[in-house]
Amino acid sequence: MTPEAPLLSARAAVLHDLTVRGLADARAVSLLEEALASRRWWLNQWAEGAAYVPGLVAQDVQDALYDDSCRWPRCTSCDRPVEHSLQIQPELGDDPRWICDESGLVVAPLGQLP
């Protein structure tokens, strides 16, 4: 696996999930690129952490969008009346997936939001 492979995989997965939720605009893509640059440095320091990169990039973009007053990805899978976001689980691990913290429902693997 090349050193860029986890970053490219993370980019594709997060960009897909941004796109299907209608948020792949210039600002969000710019935030994604910033997250990738940050994680590139992180990955150069700790190559063994490659499996964690996609989930971390998704969390970075989610946090940055939240700082811009945008919830992403919004949960559309449960009946809870309060607007809430999905969360990446595990927080630090491989095979990241979007989970509704309110209901505990596994919504989709990262990069496969409906």
PDB file of N, CA and C in Angstrom:
ATOM      1  N   MET A   1       0.841  -1.179   0.000  1.00  0.00           N
ATOM      2  CA  MET A   1       0.000   0.000   0.000  1.00  0.00           C
ATOM      3  C   MET A   1       0.887   1.244   0.000  1.00  0.00           C
ATOM      4  N   THR A   2       0.567   2.171  -0.893  1.00  0.00           N
ATOM      5  CA  THR A   2       1.343   3.412  -0.956  1.00  0.00           C
ATOM      6  C   THR A   2       0.964   4.305   0.219  1.00  0.00           C
ATOM      7  N   PRO A   3       1.850   5.227   0.593  1.00  0.00           N
ATOM      8  CA  PRO A   3       1.541   6.126   1.712  1.00  0.00           C
ATOM      9  C   PRO A   3       0.304   6.995   1.460  1.00  0.00           C
ATOM     10  N   GLU A   4      -0.011   7.255   0.206  1.00  0.00           N
ATOM     11  CA  GLU A   4      -1.172   8.098  -0.127  1.00  0.00           C
ATOM     12  C   GLU A   4      -2.479   7.312  -0.141  1.00  0.00           C
ATOM     13  N   ALA A   5      -2.422   5.990  -0.193  1.00  0.00           N
ATOM     14  CA  ALA A   5      -3.634   5.170  -0.340  1.00  0.00           C
ATOM     15  C   ALA A   5      -4.681   5.433   0.748  1.00  0.00           C
ATOM     16  N   PRO A   6      -4.307   5.482   2.028  1.00  0.00           N
ATOM     17  CA  PRO A   6      -5.333   5.747   3.045  1.00  0.00           C
ATOM     18  C   PRO A   6      -5.952   7.136   2.898  1.00  0.00           C
ATOM     19  N   LEU A   7      -5.160   8.093   2.461  1.00  0.00           N
ATOM     20  CA  LEU A   7      -5.666   9.452   2.272  1.00  0.00           C
ATOM     21  C   LEU A   7      -6.625   9.511   1.088  1.00  0.00           C
ATOM     22  N   LEU A   8      -6.284   8.826   0.001  1.00  0.00           N
ATOM     23  CA  LEU A   8      -7.170   8.792  -1.166  1.00  0.00           C
ATOM     24  C   LEU A   8      -8.465   8.068  -0.845  1.00  0.00           C
ATOM     25  N   SER A   9      -8.364   7.001  -0.088  1.00  0.00           N
ATOM     26  CA  SER A   9      -9.555   6.262   0.333  1.00  0.00           C
ATOM     27  C   SER A   9     -10.447   7.126   1.222  1.00  0.00           C
ATOM     28  N   ALA A  10      -9.828   7.834   2.145  1.00  0.00           N
ATOM     29  CA  ALA A  10     -10.574   8.733   3.030  1.00  0.00           C
ATOM     30  C   ALA A  10     -11.243   9.839   2.224  1.00  0.00           C
ATOM     31  N   ARG A  11     -10.519  10.404   1.277  1.00  0.00           N
ATOM     32  CA  ARG A  11     -11.078  11.482   0.450  1.00  0.00           C
ATOM     33  C   ARG A  11     -12.299  11.002  -0.315  1.00  0.00           C
ATOM     34  N   ALA A  12     -12.193   9.845  -0.929  1.00  0.00           N
ATOM     35  CA  ALA A  12     -13.305   9.304  -1.713  1.00  0.00           C
ATOM     36  C   ALA A  12     -14.520   9.029  -0.829  1.00  0.00           C
ATOM     37  N   ALA A  13     -14.300   8.430   0.334  1.00  0.00           N
ATOM     38  CA  ALA A  13     -15.411   8.085   1.223  1.00  0.00           C
ATOM     39  C   ALA A  13     -16.119   9.329   1.748  1.00  0.00           C
ATOM     40  N   VAL A  14     -15.346  10.289   2.228  1.00  0.00           N
ATOM     41  CA  VAL A  14     -15.953  11.501   2.789  1.00  0.00           C
ATOM     42  C   VAL A  14     -16.618  12.326   1.688  1.00  0.00           C
ATOM     43  N   LEU A  15     -15.988  12.418   0.541  1.00  0.00           N
ATOM     44  CA  LEU A  15     -16.585  13.168  -0.565  1.00  0.00           C
ATOM     45  C   LEU A  15     -17.905  12.532  -1.003  1.00  0.00           C
ATOM     46  N   HIS A  16     -17.964  11.216  -1.040  1.00  0.00           N
ATOM     47  CA  HIS A  16     -19.226  10.538  -1.361  1.00  0.00           C
ATOM     48  C   HIS A  16     -20.310  10.934  -0.364  1.00  0.00           C
ATOM     49  N   ASP A  17     -19.991  10.853   0.931  1.00  0.00           N
ATOM     50  CA  ASP A  17     -20.993  11.145   1.953  1.00  0.00           C
ATOM     51  C   ASP A  17     -21.403  12.612   1.958  1.00  0.00           C
ATOM     52  N   LEU A  18     -20.474  13.500   1.663  1.00  0.00           N
ATOM     53  CA  LEU A  18     -20.835  14.917   1.511  1.00  0.00           C
ATOM     54  C   LEU A  18     -21.770  15.100   0.316  1.00  0.00           C
ATOM     55  N   THR A  19     -21.459  14.429  -0.782  1.00  0.00           N
ATOM     56  CA  THR A  19     -22.234  14.571  -2.012  1.00  0.00           C
ATOM     57  C   THR A  19     -23.664  14.072  -1.836  1.00  0.00           C
ATOM     58  N   VAL A  20     -23.832  12.888  -1.261  1.00  0.00           N
ATOM     59  CA  VAL A  20     -25.186  12.340  -1.135  1.00  0.00           C
ATOM     60  C   VAL A  20     -26.047  13.137  -0.170  1.00  0.00           C
ATOM     61  N   ARG A  21     -25.410  13.905   0.701  1.00  0.00           N
ATOM     62  CA  ARG A  21     -26.173  14.747   1.618  1.00  0.00           C
ATOM     63  C   ARG A  21     -26.235  16.193   1.139  1.00  0.00           C
ATOM     64  N   GLY A  22     -25.789  16.443  -0.102  1.00  0.00           N
ATOM     65  CA  GLY A  22     -25.914  17.760  -0.711  1.00  0.00           C
ATOM     66  C   GLY A  22     -24.981  18.817  -0.161  1.00  0.00           C
ATOM     67  N   LEU A  23     -23.835  18.404   0.366  1.00  0.00           N
ATOM     68  CA  LEU A  23     -22.914  19.365   0.970  1.00  0.00           C
ATOM     69  C   LEU A  23     -21.537  19.415   0.313  1.00  0.00           C
ATOM     70  N   ALA A  24     -21.401  18.878  -0.873  1.00  0.00           N
ATOM     71  CA  ALA A  24     -20.090  18.872  -1.534  1.00  0.00           C
ATOM     72  C   ALA A  24     -19.856  20.193  -2.263  1.00  0.00           C
ATOM     73  N   ASP A  25     -19.996  21.301  -1.534  1.00  0.00           N
ATOM     74  CA  ASP A  25     -19.747  22.615  -2.121  1.00  0.00           C
ATOM     75  C   ASP A  25     -18.281  22.987  -1.918  1.00  0.00           C
ATOM     76  N   ALA A  26     -17.898  24.129  -2.426  1.00  0.00           N
ATOM     77  CA  ALA A  26     -16.494  24.545  -2.376  1.00  0.00           C
ATOM     78  C   ALA A  26     -15.975  24.617  -0.942  1.00  0.00           C
ATOM     79  N   ARG A  27     -16.781  25.116  -0.028  1.00  0.00           N
ATOM     80  CA  ARG A  27     -16.338  25.244   1.374  1.00  0.00           C
ATOM     81  C   ARG A  27     -16.080  23.872   1.994  1.00  0.00           C
ATOM     82  N   ALA A  28     -17.020  22.949   1.811  1.00  0.00           N
ATOM     83  CA  ALA A  28     -16.863  21.618   2.398  1.00  0.00           C
ATOM     84  C   ALA A  28     -15.678  20.870   1.785  1.00  0.00           C
ATOM     85  N   VAL A  29     -15.496  20.982   0.482  1.00  0.00           N
ATOM     86  CA  VAL A  29     -14.363  20.311  -0.168  1.00  0.00           C
ATOM     87  C   VAL A  29     -13.046  20.927   0.307  1.00  0.00           C
ATOM     88  N   SER A  30     -13.037  22.221   0.513  1.00  0.00           N
ATOM     89  CA  SER A  30     -11.848  22.886   1.052  1.00  0.00           C
ATOM     90  C   SER A  30     -11.541  22.368   2.464  1.00  0.00           C
ATOM     91  N   LEU A  31     -12.571  22.201   3.283  1.00  0.00           N
ATOM     92  CA  LEU A  31     -12.377  21.648   4.627  1.00  0.00           C
ATOM     93  C   LEU A  31     -11.863  20.213   4.555  1.00  0.00           C
ATOM     94  N   LEU A  32     -12.361  19.457   3.594  1.00  0.00           N
ATOM     95  CA  LEU A  32     -11.877  18.093   3.391  1.00  0.00           C
ATOM     96  C   LEU A  32     -10.397  18.099   3.024  1.00  0.00           C
ATOM     97  N   GLU A  33     -10.002  18.977   2.121  1.00  0.00           N
ATOM     98  CA  GLU A  33      -8.590  19.051   1.720  1.00  0.00           C
ATOM     99  C   GLU A  33      -7.701  19.467   2.891  1.00  0.00           C
ATOM    100  N   GLU A  34      -8.185  20.378   3.735  1.00  0.00           N
ATOM    101  CA  GLU A  34      -7.424  20.780   4.924  1.00  0.00           C
ATOM    102  C   GLU A  34      -7.260  19.599   5.875  1.00  0.00           C
ATOM    103  N   ALA A  35      -8.332  18.827   6.062  1.00  0.00           N
ATOM    104  CA  ALA A  35      -8.258  17.653   6.935  1.00  0.00           C
ATOM    105  C   ALA A  35      -7.272  16.628   6.385  1.00  0.00           C
ATOM    106  N   LEU A  36      -7.283  16.429   5.077  1.00  0.00           N
ATOM    107  CA  LEU A  36      -6.351  15.490   4.465  1.00  0.00           C
ATOM    108  C   LEU A  36      -4.904  15.938   4.641  1.00  0.00           C
ATOM    109  N   ALA A  37      -4.653  17.232   4.491  1.00  0.00           N
ATOM    110  CA  ALA A  37      -3.290  17.749   4.684  1.00  0.00           C
ATOM    111  C   ALA A  37      -2.822  17.518   6.117  1.00  0.00           C
ATOM    112  N   SER A  38      -3.698  17.754   7.055  1.00  0.00           N
ATOM    113  CA  SER A  38      -3.361  17.549   8.466  1.00  0.00           C
ATOM    114  C   SER A  38      -3.093  16.073   8.747  1.00  0.00           C
ATOM    115  N   ARG A  39      -3.929  15.210   8.209  1.00  0.00           N
ATOM    116  CA  ARG A  39      -3.753  13.775   8.441  1.00  0.00           C
ATOM    117  C   ARG A  39      -2.577  13.209   7.662  1.00  0.00           C
ATOM    118  N   ARG A  40      -2.193  13.848   6.577  1.00  0.00           N
ATOM    119  CA  ARG A  40      -0.990  13.436   5.849  1.00  0.00           C
ATOM    120  C   ARG A  40       0.216  13.589   6.777  1.00  0.00           C
ATOM    121  N   TRP A  41       0.308  14.719   7.447  1.00  0.00           N
ATOM    122  CA  TRP A  41       1.397  14.927   8.400  1.00  0.00           C
ATOM    123  C   TRP A  41       1.324  13.879   9.504  1.00  0.00           C
ATOM    124  N   TRP A  42       0.130  13.688  10.044  1.00  0.00           N
ATOM    125  CA  TRP A  42      -0.073  12.722  11.124  1.00  0.00           C
ATOM    126  C   TRP A  42       0.361  11.324  10.675  1.00  0.00           C
ATOM    127  N   LEU A  43      -0.024  10.928   9.465  1.00  0.00           N
ATOM    128  CA  LEU A  43       0.310   9.620   8.928  1.00  0.00           C
ATOM    129  C   LEU A  43       1.816   9.480   8.700  1.00  0.00           C
ATOM    130  N   ASN A  44       2.478  10.559   8.320  1.00  0.00           N
ATOM    131  CA  ASN A  44       3.936  10.519   8.167  1.00  0.00           C
ATOM    132  C   ASN A  44       4.623  10.291   9.507  1.00  0.00           C
ATOM    133  N   GLN A  45       3.997  10.722  10.591  1.00  0.00           N
ATOM    134  CA  GLN A  45       4.568  10.532  11.921  1.00  0.00           C
ATOM    135  C   GLN A  45       4.267   9.144  12.482  1.00  0.00           C
ATOM    136  N   TRP A  46       3.130   8.566  12.054  1.00  0.00           N
ATOM    137  CA  TRP A  46       2.689   7.286  12.601  1.00  0.00           C
ATOM    138  C   TRP A  46       2.063   6.443  11.500  1.00  0.00           C
ATOM    139  N   ALA A  47       2.896   5.819  10.698  1.00  0.00           N
ATOM    140  CA  ALA A  47       2.437   5.036   9.545  1.00  0.00           C
ATOM    141  C   ALA A  47       1.530   3.873   9.961  1.00  0.00           C
ATOM    142  N   GLU A  48       1.707   3.355  11.157  1.00  0.00           N
ATOM    143  CA  GLU A  48       0.883   2.250  11.633  1.00  0.00           C
ATOM    144  C   GLU A  48      -0.576   2.665  11.848  1.00  0.00           C
ATOM    145  N   GLY A  49      -0.842   3.948  11.848  1.00  0.00           N
ATOM    146  CA  GLY A  49      -2.199   4.446  12.036  1.00  0.00           C
ATOM    147  C   GLY A  49      -2.999   4.576  10.756  1.00  0.00           C
ATOM    148  N   ALA A  50      -2.514   4.018   9.664  1.00  0.00           N
ATOM    149  CA  ALA A  50      -3.166   4.169   8.358  1.00  0.00           C
ATOM    150  C   ALA A  50      -4.630   3.731   8.370  1.00  0.00           C
ATOM    151  N   ALA A  51      -4.948   2.673   9.086  1.00  0.00           N
ATOM    152  CA  ALA A  51      -6.328   2.171   9.109  1.00  0.00           C
ATOM    153  C   ALA A  51      -7.291   3.159   9.754  1.00  0.00           C
ATOM    154  N   TYR A  52      -6.763   4.063  10.565  1.00  0.00           N
ATOM    155  CA  TYR A  52      -7.609   5.019  11.281  1.00  0.00           C
ATOM    156  C   TYR A  52      -7.890   6.294  10.487  1.00  0.00           C
ATOM    157  N   VAL A  53      -7.157   6.503   9.412  1.00  0.00           N
ATOM    158  CA  VAL A  53      -7.234   7.770   8.675  1.00  0.00           C
ATOM    159  C   VAL A  53      -8.634   8.089   8.148  1.00  0.00           C
ATOM    160  N   PRO A  54      -9.340   7.176   7.500  1.00  0.00           N
ATOM    161  CA  PRO A  54     -10.661   7.546   6.979  1.00  0.00           C
ATOM    162  C   PRO A  54     -11.620   8.059   8.056  1.00  0.00           C
ATOM    163  N   GLY A  55     -11.705   7.360   9.164  1.00  0.00           N
ATOM    164  CA  GLY A  55     -12.588   7.804  10.243  1.00  0.00           C
ATOM    165  C   GLY A  55     -12.166   9.136  10.836  1.00  0.00           C
ATOM    166  N   LEU A  56     -10.867   9.328  10.976  1.00  0.00           N
ATOM    167  CA  LEU A  56     -10.363  10.587  11.523  1.00  0.00           C
ATOM    168  C   LEU A  56     -10.634  11.761  10.587  1.00  0.00           C
ATOM    169  N   VAL A  57     -10.465  11.534   9.294  1.00  0.00           N
ATOM    170  CA  VAL A  57     -10.748  12.597   8.322  1.00  0.00           C
ATOM    171  C   VAL A  57     -12.235  12.950   8.363  1.00  0.00           C
ATOM    172  N   ALA A  58     -13.087  11.934   8.432  1.00  0.00           N
ATOM    173  CA  ALA A  58     -14.532  12.199   8.516  1.00  0.00           C
ATOM    174  C   ALA A  58     -14.858  13.026   9.763  1.00  0.00           C
ATOM    175  N   GLN A  59     -14.259  12.673  10.880  1.00  0.00           N
ATOM    176  CA  GLN A  59     -14.485  13.433  12.118  1.00  0.00           C
ATOM    177  C   GLN A  59     -13.964  14.857  11.991  1.00  0.00           C
ATOM    178  N   ASP A  60     -12.800  15.017  11.363  1.00  0.00           N
ATOM    179  CA  ASP A  60     -12.231  16.357  11.176  1.00  0.00           C
ATOM    180  C   ASP A  60     -13.174  17.233  10.357  1.00  0.00           C
ATOM    181  N   VAL A  61     -13.700  16.680   9.270  1.00  0.00           N
ATOM    182  CA  VAL A  61     -14.610  17.444   8.408  1.00  0.00           C
ATOM    183  C   VAL A  61     -15.908  17.732   9.159  1.00  0.00           C
ATOM    184  N   GLN A  62     -16.416  16.747   9.868  1.00  0.00           N
ATOM    185  CA  GLN A  62     -17.637  16.941  10.643  1.00  0.00           C
ATOM    186  C   GLN A  62     -17.455  18.064  11.666  1.00  0.00           C
ATOM    187  N   ASP A  63     -16.345  18.058  12.372  1.00  0.00           N
ATOM    188  CA  ASP A  63     -16.073  19.105  13.367  1.00  0.00           C
ATOM    189  C   ASP A  63     -15.938  20.477  12.711  1.00  0.00           C
ATOM    190  N   ALA A  64     -15.244  20.533  11.593  1.00  0.00           N
ATOM    191  CA  ALA A  64     -15.056  21.811  10.903  1.00  0.00           C
ATOM    192  C   ALA A  64     -16.390  22.356  10.389  1.00  0.00           C
ATOM    193  N   LEU A  65     -17.229  21.496   9.857  1.00  0.00           N
ATOM    194  CA  LEU A  65     -18.544  21.944   9.392  1.00  0.00           C
ATOM    195  C   LEU A  65     -19.404  22.401  10.562  1.00  0.00           C
ATOM    196  N   TYR A  66     -19.312  21.692  11.667  1.00  0.00           N
ATOM    197  CA  TYR A  66     -20.069  22.077  12.862  1.00  0.00           C
ATOM    198  C   TYR A  66     -19.634  23.460  13.346  1.00  0.00           C
ATOM    199  N   ASP A  67     -18.326  23.723  13.283  1.00  0.00           N
ATOM    200  CA  ASP A  67     -17.816  25.056  13.652  1.00  0.00           C
ATOM    201  C   ASP A  67     -18.379  26.132  12.731  1.00  0.00           C
ATOM    202  N   ASP A  68     -18.747  25.746  11.496  1.00  0.00           N
ATOM    203  CA  ASP A  68     -19.380  26.666  10.540  1.00  0.00           C
ATOM    204  C   ASP A  68     -20.905  26.641  10.665  1.00  0.00           C
ATOM    205  N   SER A  69     -21.410  26.064  11.768  1.00  0.00           N
ATOM    206  CA  SER A  69     -22.858  25.972  12.041  1.00  0.00           C
ATOM    207  C   SER A  69     -23.603  25.072  11.066  1.00  0.00           C
ATOM    208  N   CYS A  70     -22.982  23.979  10.696  1.00  0.00           N
ATOM    209  CA  CYS A  70     -23.611  23.032   9.778  1.00  0.00           C
ATOM    210  C   CYS A  70     -23.508  21.628  10.373  1.00  0.00           C
ATOM    211  N   ARG A  71     -24.631  21.004  10.580  1.00  0.00           N
ATOM    212  CA  ARG A  71     -24.634  19.614  11.051  1.00  0.00           C
ATOM    213  C   ARG A  71     -24.469  18.691   9.852  1.00  0.00           C
ATOM    214  N   TRP A  72     -23.470  17.822   9.921  1.00  0.00           N
ATOM    215  CA  TRP A  72     -23.263  16.838   8.871  1.00  0.00           C
ATOM    216  C   TRP A  72     -22.660  15.589   9.452  1.00  0.00           C
ATOM    217  N   PRO A  73     -23.119  14.472   9.040  1.00  0.00           N
ATOM    218  CA  PRO A  73     -24.371  14.232   8.334  1.00  0.00           C
ATOM    219  C   PRO A  73     -25.530  14.202   9.327  1.00  0.00           C
ATOM    220  N   ARG A  74     -26.618  14.834   8.932  1.00  0.00           N
ATOM    221  CA  ARG A  74     -27.813  14.804   9.771  1.00  0.00           C
ATOM    222  C   ARG A  74     -28.398  13.408   9.750  1.00  0.00           C
ATOM    223  N   CYS A  75     -28.937  13.010  10.892  1.00  0.00           N
ATOM    224  CA  CYS A  75     -29.600  11.714  10.963  1.00  0.00           C
ATOM    225  C   CYS A  75     -30.977  11.828  10.323  1.00  0.00           C
ATOM    226  N   THR A  76     -31.235  10.962   9.382  1.00  0.00           N
ATOM    227  CA  THR A  76     -32.549  10.872   8.749  1.00  0.00           C
ATOM    228  C   THR A  76     -33.092   9.453   8.916  1.00  0.00           C
ATOM    229  N   SER A  77     -32.510   8.700   9.839  1.00  0.00           N
ATOM    230  CA  SER A  77     -32.826   7.282   9.960  1.00  0.00           C
ATOM    231  C   SER A  77     -33.647   6.910  11.179  1.00  0.00           C
ATOM    232  N   CYS A  78     -33.858   7.840  12.072  1.00  0.00           N
ATOM    233  CA  CYS A  78     -34.630   7.502  13.266  1.00  0.00           C
ATOM    234  C   CYS A  78     -35.779   8.501  13.444  1.00  0.00           C
ATOM    235  N   ASP A  79     -36.623   8.215  14.395  1.00  0.00           N
ATOM    236  CA  ASP A  79     -37.814   9.038  14.608  1.00  0.00           C
ATOM    237  C   ASP A  79     -37.633  10.088  15.702  1.00  0.00           C
ATOM    238  N   ARG A  80     -36.441  10.340  16.132  1.00  0.00           N
ATOM    239  CA  ARG A  80     -36.210  11.325  17.191  1.00  0.00           C
ATOM    240  C   ARG A  80     -36.601  12.711  16.690  1.00  0.00           C
ATOM    241  N   PRO A  81     -37.341  13.464  17.500  1.00  0.00           N
ATOM    242  CA  PRO A  81     -37.814  14.771  17.038  1.00  0.00           C
ATOM    243  C   PRO A  81     -36.734  15.860  17.020  1.00  0.00           C
ATOM    244  N   VAL A  82     -35.676  15.668  17.775  1.00  0.00           N
ATOM    245  CA  VAL A  82     -34.611  16.677  17.843  1.00  0.00           C
ATOM    246  C   VAL A  82     -33.597  16.421  16.735  1.00  0.00           C
ATOM    247  N   GLU A  83     -33.256  17.471  15.971  1.00  0.00           N
ATOM    248  CA  GLU A  83     -32.264  17.332  14.913  1.00  0.00           C
ATOM    249  C   GLU A  83     -30.914  16.949  15.527  1.00  0.00           C
ATOM    250  N   HIS A  84     -30.281  15.962  14.941  1.00  0.00           N
ATOM    251  CA  HIS A  84     -28.987  15.503  15.448  1.00  0.00           C
ATOM    252  C   HIS A  84     -28.162  14.925  14.310  1.00  0.00           C
ATOM    253  N   SER A  85     -26.881  14.796  14.569  1.00  0.00           N
ATOM    254  CA  SER A  85     -25.941  14.292  13.569  1.00  0.00           C
ATOM    255  C   SER A  85     -25.600  12.841  13.849  1.00  0.00           C
ATOM    256  N   LEU A  86     -25.161  12.163  12.811  1.00  0.00           N
ATOM    257  CA  LEU A  86     -24.588  10.834  12.966  1.00  0.00           C
ATOM    258  C   LEU A  86     -23.167  10.985  13.489  1.00  0.00           C
ATOM    259  N   GLN A  87     -22.651   9.944  14.080  1.00  0.00           N
ATOM    260  CA  GLN A  87     -21.288   9.944  14.605  1.00  0.00           C
ATOM    261  C   GLN A  87     -20.517   8.773  14.030  1.00  0.00           C
ATOM    262  N   ILE A  88     -19.224   8.964  13.867  1.00  0.00           N
ATOM    263  CA  ILE A  88     -18.351   7.875  13.408  1.00  0.00           C
ATOM    264  C   ILE A  88     -18.032   6.977  14.599  1.00  0.00           C
ATOM    265  N   GLN A  89     -18.169   5.679  14.373  1.00  0.00           N
ATOM    266  CA  GLN A  89     -17.797   4.687  15.376  1.00  0.00           C
ATOM    267  C   GLN A  89     -17.008   3.599  14.662  1.00  0.00           C
ATOM    268  N   PRO A  90     -16.010   3.030  15.190  1.00  0.00           N
ATOM    269  CA  PRO A  90     -15.366   3.456  16.419  1.00  0.00           C
ATOM    270  C   PRO A  90     -14.644   4.786  16.217  1.00  0.00           C
ATOM    271  N   GLU A  91     -14.484   5.512  17.297  1.00  0.00           N
ATOM    272  CA  GLU A  91     -13.849   6.824  17.194  1.00  0.00           C
ATOM    273  C   GLU A  91     -12.413   6.713  16.705  1.00  0.00           C
ATOM    274  N   LEU A  92     -11.729   5.688  17.113  1.00  0.00           N
ATOM    275  CA  LEU A  92     -10.371   5.449  16.637  1.00  0.00           C
ATOM    276  C   LEU A  92     -10.246   3.962  16.346  1.00  0.00           C
ATOM    277  N   GLY A  93     -10.462   3.630  15.113  1.00  0.00           N
ATOM    278  CA  GLY A  93     -10.391   2.232  14.721  1.00  0.00           C
ATOM    279  C   GLY A  93     -10.611   2.088  13.235  1.00  0.00           C
ATOM    280  N   ASP A  94     -10.441   0.871  12.769  1.00  0.00           N
ATOM    281  CA  ASP A  94     -10.692   0.638  11.352  1.00  0.00           C
ATOM    282  C   ASP A  94     -12.168   0.278  11.163  1.00  0.00           C
ATOM    283  N   ASP A  95     -12.605   0.185   9.920  1.00  0.00           N
ATOM    284  CA  ASP A  95     -13.982  -0.103   9.553  1.00  0.00           C
ATOM    285  C   ASP A  95     -14.956   0.913  10.166  1.00  0.00           C
ATOM    286  N   PRO A  96     -14.720   2.230   9.936  1.00  0.00           N
ATOM    287  CA  PRO A  96     -15.606   3.236  10.529  1.00  0.00           C
ATOM    288  C   PRO A  96     -16.993   3.218   9.891  1.00  0.00           C
ATOM    289  N   ARG A  97     -17.981   3.496  10.700  1.00  0.00           N
ATOM    290  CA  ARG A  97     -19.353   3.540  10.216  1.00  0.00           C
ATOM    291  C   ARG A  97     -20.102   4.667  10.896  1.00  0.00           C
ATOM    292  N   TRP A  98     -21.146   5.155  10.225  1.00  0.00           N
ATOM    293  CA  TRP A  98     -21.989   6.212  10.765  1.00  0.00           C
ATOM    294  C   TRP A  98     -23.056   5.576  11.657  1.00  0.00           C
ATOM    295  N   ILE A  99     -23.172   6.096  12.874  1.00  0.00           N
ATOM    296  CA  ILE A  99     -24.097   5.575  13.871  1.00  0.00           C
ATOM    297  C   ILE A  99     -24.957   6.718  14.385  1.00  0.00           C
ATOM    298  N   CYS A 100     -26.227   6.432  14.608  1.00  0.00           N
ATOM    299  CA  CYS A 100     -27.102   7.391  15.281  1.00  0.00           C
ATOM    300  C   CYS A 100     -26.924   7.169  16.777  1.00  0.00           C
ATOM    301  N   ASP A 101     -26.351   8.152  17.468  1.00  0.00           N
ATOM    302  CA  ASP A 101     -26.146   8.029  18.912  1.00  0.00           C
ATOM    303  C   ASP A 101     -27.465   8.023  19.677  1.00  0.00           C
ATOM    304  N   GLU A 102     -28.485   8.618  19.100  1.00  0.00           N
ATOM    305  CA  GLU A 102     -29.789   8.691  19.765  1.00  0.00           C
ATOM    306  C   GLU A 102     -30.469   7.325  19.823  1.00  0.00           C
ATOM    307  N   SER A 103     -30.445   6.601  18.705  1.00  0.00           N
ATOM    308  CA  SER A 103     -31.147   5.319  18.635  1.00  0.00           C
ATOM    309  C   SER A 103     -30.214   4.117  18.690  1.00  0.00           C
ATOM    310  N   GLY A 104     -28.914   4.339  18.448  1.00  0.00           N
ATOM    311  CA  GLY A 104     -27.958   3.242  18.387  1.00  0.00           C
ATOM    312  C   GLY A 104     -27.935   2.537  17.040  1.00  0.00           C
ATOM    313  N   LEU A 105     -28.704   3.039  16.094  1.00  0.00           N
ATOM    314  CA  LEU A 105     -28.810   2.436  14.771  1.00  0.00           C
ATOM    315  C   LEU A 105     -27.527   2.650  13.964  1.00  0.00           C
ATOM    316  N   VAL A 106     -27.006   1.567  13.383  1.00  0.00           N
ATOM    317  CA  VAL A 106     -25.891   1.672  12.441  1.00  0.00           C
ATOM    318  C   VAL A 106     -26.510   2.060  11.103  1.00  0.00           C
ATOM    319  N   VAL A 107     -26.160   3.251  10.602  1.00  0.00           N
ATOM    320  CA  VAL A 107     -26.781   3.770   9.388  1.00  0.00           C
ATOM    321  C   VAL A 107     -26.049   3.285   8.145  1.00  0.00           C
ATOM    322  N   ALA A 108     -24.719   3.399   8.128  1.00  0.00           N
ATOM    323  CA  ALA A 108     -23.964   2.993   6.939  1.00  0.00           C
ATOM    324  C   ALA A 108     -22.473   3.028   7.250  1.00  0.00           C
ATOM    325  N   PRO A 109     -21.700   2.216   6.524  1.00  0.00           N
ATOM    326  CA  PRO A 109     -20.246   2.385   6.597  1.00  0.00           C
ATOM    327  C   PRO A 109     -19.857   3.750   6.043  1.00  0.00           C
ATOM    328  N   LEU A 110     -18.738   4.275   6.502  1.00  0.00           N
ATOM    329  CA  LEU A 110     -18.211   5.528   5.954  1.00  0.00           C
ATOM    330  C   LEU A 110     -18.044   5.362   4.458  1.00  0.00           C
ATOM    331  N   GLY A 111     -18.534   6.343   3.711  1.00  0.00           N
ATOM    332  CA  GLY A 111     -18.450   6.305   2.255  1.00  0.00           C
ATOM    333  C   GLY A 111     -19.628   5.632   1.594  1.00  0.00           C
ATOM    334  N   GLN A 112     -20.623   5.253   2.393  1.00  0.00           N
ATOM    335  CA  GLN A 112     -21.775   4.562   1.821  1.00  0.00           C
ATOM    336  C   GLN A 112     -23.102   5.101   2.364  1.00  0.00           C
ATOM    337  N   LEU A 113     -23.120   6.375   2.760  1.00  0.00           N
ATOM    338  CA  LEU A 113     -24.393   6.935   3.225  1.00  0.00           C
ATOM    339  C   LEU A 113     -25.425   6.861   2.102  1.00  0.00           C
ATOM    340  N   PRO A 114     -26.644   6.528   2.478  1.00  0.00           N
ATOM    341  CA  PRO A 114     -27.702   6.494   1.450  1.00  0.00           C
ATOM    342  C   PRO A 114     -28.152   7.893   1.072  1.00  0.00           C
TER     343      PRO A 114
END
